[in-house]
Amino acid sequence: MLRGALRIVNSDDYSYYFLATRSVTRKRKYQNCPLSLNDKHFPALNLIHANGPFTLSEFQKYFSAKYPKLKGVARKLFFDLYNYGKIARMGRKNQKPLF
């Protein structure tokens, strides 16, 4: 199973789908999936859950303002959460993907 193909997954099973495909994703160099989340990931995840969907640029702006010490790793944390299956793409806003 690959994430690149179109798959229809029930929203309740979404996190399990990503767990099942994570081993395939880890083998790809362009999509490094972390083995587990660390303490830096949880503030990013909490910000996304509290303030709703973001584009990547919006997330970097809000995350950097709230956590200035983690400003340099905001983009990496965001993609780690996506590759780990904690957040999902849900549409578009101004021609940019919304997560």
Protein backbone atom coordinates (compact mmCIF):
# COMPACT_ATOMS: atom_id res chain seq x y z
CA MET A 1 0.00 0.00 0.00
CA LEU A 2 1.36 3.36 -0.96
CA ARG A 3 0.15 6.79 0.00
CA GLY A 4 0.71 8.12 -3.49
CA ALA A 5 -2.26 6.22 -4.85
CA LEU A 6 -5.84 7.25 -4.19
CA ARG A 7 -7.23 5.40 -1.18
CA ILE A 8 -10.60 5.96 0.46
CA VAL A 9 -10.17 5.51 4.19
CA ASN A 10 -12.79 5.91 6.89
CA SER A 11 -11.90 8.86 9.14
CA ASP A 12 -11.93 6.60 12.21
CA ASP A 13 -9.35 4.31 10.59
CA TYR A 14 -7.16 7.12 9.23
CA SER A 15 -4.45 6.92 11.87
CA TYR A 16 -4.30 3.12 11.53
CA TYR A 17 -3.90 3.49 7.78
CA PHE A 18 -0.83 5.66 8.28
CA LEU A 19 0.62 3.26 10.82
CA ALA A 20 0.19 0.43 8.32
CA THR A 21 1.93 2.32 5.51
CA ARG A 22 4.66 3.90 7.61
CA SER A 23 7.24 1.21 6.87
CA VAL A 24 6.88 1.91 3.15
CA THR A 25 7.21 5.64 3.77
CA ARG A 26 10.36 5.24 5.85
CA LYS A 27 12.15 3.70 2.87
CA ARG A 28 11.62 6.80 0.75
CA LYS A 29 14.31 9.43 1.11
CA TYR A 30 12.01 12.30 0.19
CA GLN A 31 9.51 11.38 2.93
CA ASN A 32 11.35 10.52 6.11
CA CYS A 33 8.88 9.28 8.69
CA PRO A 34 10.02 9.56 12.31
CA LEU A 35 10.06 6.38 14.36
CA SER A 36 8.25 8.16 17.18
CA LEU A 37 7.20 11.64 18.20
CA ASN A 38 9.35 13.55 20.66
CA ASP A 39 8.76 16.50 23.00
CA LYS A 40 9.19 19.01 20.18
CA HIS A 41 6.32 17.51 18.16
CA PHE A 42 3.66 17.86 20.85
CA PRO A 43 3.57 21.69 20.98
CA ALA A 44 3.16 21.70 17.19
CA LEU A 45 0.37 19.12 17.36
CA ASN A 46 -1.39 21.01 20.15
CA LEU A 47 -1.22 24.26 18.17
CA ILE A 48 -2.81 22.60 15.14
CA HIS A 49 -5.57 20.99 17.20
CA ALA A 50 -6.32 24.20 19.10
CA ASN A 51 -6.37 26.64 16.18
CA GLY A 52 -7.77 24.59 13.36
CA PRO A 53 -6.36 23.82 9.91
CA PHE A 54 -3.31 25.68 8.60
CA THR A 55 -1.34 25.98 5.44
CA LEU A 56 2.38 25.35 5.95
CA SER A 57 3.24 29.07 5.84
CA GLU A 58 0.49 29.94 8.35
CA PHE A 59 1.69 27.19 10.67
CA GLN A 60 5.30 28.40 10.51
CA LYS A 61 4.21 31.97 11.29
CA TYR A 62 2.02 31.07 14.30
CA PHE A 63 4.36 28.40 15.64
CA SER A 64 7.41 30.65 15.41
CA ALA A 65 5.55 33.43 17.23
CA LYS A 66 4.42 31.13 20.03
CA TYR A 67 7.64 29.07 20.33
CA PRO A 68 10.58 31.25 19.21
CA LYS A 69 13.17 28.68 20.33
CA LEU A 70 11.73 26.13 17.86
CA LYS A 71 11.46 28.59 14.96
CA GLY A 72 14.08 26.82 12.84
CA VAL A 73 12.45 23.39 13.05
CA ALA A 74 8.80 24.39 12.50
CA ARG A 75 8.71 23.12 8.91
CA LYS A 76 10.34 19.80 9.83
CA LEU A 77 7.96 19.26 12.76
CA PHE A 78 4.99 19.96 10.51
CA PHE A 79 6.07 17.42 7.89
CA ASP A 80 6.98 14.89 10.59
CA LEU A 81 3.43 15.12 11.95
CA TYR A 82 2.03 14.67 8.45
CA ASN A 83 4.27 11.72 7.63
CA TYR A 84 3.57 10.13 11.02
CA GLY A 85 -0.18 10.35 10.35
CA LYS A 86 -1.17 12.79 13.08
CA ILE A 87 -2.41 15.45 10.66
CA ALA A 88 -3.93 15.14 7.21
CA ARG A 89 -4.47 17.22 4.10
CA MET A 90 -8.04 18.36 4.00
CA GLY A 91 -8.37 20.82 1.16
CA ARG A 92 -6.92 24.02 -0.25
CA LYS A 93 -6.77 27.65 0.78
CA ASN A 94 -5.52 30.23 -1.72
CA GLN A 95 -4.15 27.44 -3.93
CA LYS A 96 -2.07 26.02 -1.04
CA PRO A 97 -2.69 22.66 0.67
CA LEU A 98 -4.57 22.92 3.96
CA PHE A 99 -3.62 20.51 6.75
